[in-house]
């Protein structure tokens, strides 16, 4: 998977981790030739985009914009400060939260939906498996 990473936030982003997660995801779903763009933005910017495109006047962790044209899957917009808060609330590492949410966005780009309980549970299962395979140390 070819991934373009744009950091428009003030947070430091672990690009290597994002690329590793994209590679694992691409292998699992056979998407080696696909392209994805990821932008990291401020809470102000993601709130503005959430209001404009989803009609929700709130900060969110991620927005997914599927494209599907040729090899371009779409774009993910991620709010790092929101992810950092969520990691603390969920008692998980920041790395896990980044991989978990990034994978969530990629799943949306390939057609998964969390609008139903079963769809949500399926997505979380895949996200957890990817986090485990990427972040857990092998003995």
Protein backbone atom coordinates (compact mmCIF):
# COMPACT_ATOMS: atom_id res chain seq x y z
CA UNK A 1 0.00 0.00 0.00
CA UNK A 2 1.29 3.41 -0.91
CA UNK A 3 0.57 5.91 1.81
CA UNK A 4 0.96 9.66 1.79
CA UNK A 5 1.21 11.17 5.29
CA UNK A 6 0.60 14.89 5.87
CA UNK A 7 0.96 16.26 9.38
CA UNK A 8 -0.86 19.56 9.77
CA UNK A 9 -1.04 19.23 13.56
CA UNK A 10 1.44 20.28 16.22
CA UNK A 11 1.80 16.69 17.46
CA UNK A 12 4.72 14.49 16.49
CA UNK A 13 3.44 11.57 14.39
CA UNK A 14 5.14 8.18 14.29
CA UNK A 15 5.13 7.82 10.50
CA UNK A 16 6.97 4.50 10.72
CA UNK A 17 4.18 2.99 12.85
CA UNK A 18 1.50 4.26 10.44
CA UNK A 19 3.39 2.78 7.47
CA UNK A 20 3.82 -0.55 9.29
CA UNK A 21 0.10 -0.66 10.08
CA UNK A 22 -0.71 0.15 6.44
CA UNK A 23 1.60 -2.66 5.27
CA UNK A 24 0.00 -5.22 7.61
CA UNK A 25 -3.47 -4.10 6.54
CA UNK A 26 -2.54 -4.24 2.85
CA UNK A 27 -1.21 -7.78 3.20
CA UNK A 28 -4.32 -8.97 5.04
CA UNK A 29 -6.71 -7.48 2.47
CA UNK A 30 -4.50 -7.85 -0.63
CA UNK A 31 -4.26 -4.12 -1.28
CA UNK A 32 -0.57 -3.79 -2.14
CA UNK A 33 -1.21 -1.62 -5.20
CA UNK A 34 -3.67 0.77 -3.52
CA UNK A 35 -2.98 4.36 -2.46
CA UNK A 36 -4.20 6.13 0.68
CA UNK A 37 -3.71 9.67 1.90
CA UNK A 38 -3.64 10.43 5.64
CA UNK A 39 -3.77 13.89 7.15
CA UNK A 40 -3.28 14.69 10.82
CA UNK A 41 -5.10 17.87 11.83
CA UNK A 42 -6.06 19.99 14.84
CA UNK A 43 -9.29 19.60 16.80
CA UNK A 44 -10.54 22.86 15.29
CA UNK A 45 -9.99 21.57 11.74
CA UNK A 46 -11.52 18.11 12.28
CA UNK A 47 -14.56 19.69 13.98
CA UNK A 48 -15.00 21.98 10.98
CA UNK A 49 -14.74 19.02 8.56
CA UNK A 50 -17.07 16.88 10.68
CA UNK A 51 -19.67 19.66 10.63
CA UNK A 52 -19.29 20.24 6.89
CA UNK A 53 -19.38 16.61 5.74
CA UNK A 54 -21.35 14.79 8.44
CA UNK A 55 -23.49 17.56 9.93
CA UNK A 56 -21.99 16.91 13.39
CA UNK A 57 -20.64 19.92 15.26
CA UNK A 58 -18.13 17.97 17.34
CA UNK A 59 -14.50 16.92 17.43
CA UNK A 60 -14.03 13.35 16.24
CA UNK A 61 -11.03 11.05 16.11
CA UNK A 62 -11.14 10.16 12.41
CA UNK A 63 -12.99 10.94 9.21
CA UNK A 64 -12.86 8.58 6.23
CA UNK A 65 -13.47 9.69 2.67
CA UNK A 66 -13.61 6.71 0.32
CA UNK A 67 -12.78 7.31 -3.31
CA UNK A 68 -12.29 4.02 -5.12
CA UNK A 69 -11.11 5.70 -8.33
CA UNK A 70 -8.43 3.59 -9.97
CA UNK A 71 -5.94 2.67 -7.24
CA UNK A 72 -6.86 5.44 -4.79
CA UNK A 73 -8.83 4.08 -1.81
CA UNK A 74 -9.41 7.49 -0.27
CA UNK A 75 -8.35 9.84 2.47
CA UNK A 76 -8.25 9.59 6.25
CA UNK A 77 -8.29 12.69 8.45
CA UNK A 78 -7.08 12.00 11.99
CA UNK A 79 -6.98 14.23 15.08
CA UNK A 80 -3.90 13.32 17.18
CA UNK A 81 -4.93 15.25 20.31
CA UNK A 82 -8.24 13.38 20.34
CA UNK A 83 -6.41 10.05 19.96
CA UNK A 84 -4.09 10.90 22.84
CA UNK A 85 -7.08 11.62 25.12
CA UNK A 86 -8.82 8.45 24.02
CA UNK A 87 -5.71 6.37 24.73
CA UNK A 88 -5.69 7.67 28.32
CA UNK A 89 -9.44 7.04 28.71
CA UNK A 90 -9.14 3.50 27.34
CA UNK A 91 -5.93 2.79 29.31
CA UNK A 92 -4.02 1.81 26.17
CA UNK A 93 -0.76 3.04 24.68
CA UNK A 94 -0.82 5.94 22.27
CA UNK A 95 0.67 3.62 19.65
CA UNK A 96 -2.22 1.18 20.03
CA UNK A 97 -4.78 3.96 19.71
CA UNK A 98 -3.13 5.25 16.54
CA UNK A 99 -3.07 1.78 14.96
CA UNK A 100 -6.60 1.00 16.16
CA UNK A 101 -8.14 4.18 14.73
CA UNK A 102 -6.04 4.17 11.56
CA UNK A 103 -7.20 0.59 10.87
CA UNK A 104 -10.77 1.64 11.60
CA UNK A 105 -10.52 4.30 8.89
CA UNK A 106 -8.96 1.87 6.40
CA UNK A 107 -11.80 -0.59 7.01
CA UNK A 108 -14.30 2.14 6.15
CA UNK A 109 -12.37 2.90 2.95
CA UNK A 110 -12.75 -0.71 1.79
CA UNK A 111 -16.46 -0.84 2.55
CA UNK A 112 -16.85 -1.92 6.17
CA UNK A 113 -19.57 -0.20 8.19
CA UNK A 114 -20.11 0.19 11.91
CA UNK A 115 -23.73 1.29 11.58
CA UNK A 116 -24.95 -2.03 13.02
CA UNK A 117 -23.80 -3.80 16.17
CA UNK A 118 -22.54 -6.79 14.18
CA UNK A 119 -20.66 -4.52 11.75
CA UNK A 120 -19.11 -2.62 14.64
CA UNK A 121 -18.05 -5.85 16.38
CA UNK A 122 -16.51 -7.22 13.18
CA UNK A 123 -14.50 -4.03 12.69
CA UNK A 124 -13.26 -3.99 16.29
CA UNK A 125 -12.19 -7.64 16.02
CA UNK A 126 -10.07 -6.87 12.92
CA UNK A 127 -8.66 -3.72 14.54
CA UNK A 128 -7.67 -5.62 17.70
CA UNK A 129 -6.02 -8.41 15.69
CA UNK A 130 -3.97 -5.93 13.69
CA UNK A 131 -2.93 -4.08 16.86
CA UNK A 132 -1.91 -7.34 18.49
CA UNK A 133 0.11 -8.54 15.48
CA UNK A 134 1.89 -5.20 15.14
CA UNK A 135 2.47 -4.09 18.71
CA UNK A 136 2.90 -7.19 20.85
CA UNK A 137 6.46 -8.38 21.36
CA UNK A 138 7.18 -11.96 20.38
CA UNK A 139 8.96 -14.01 23.11
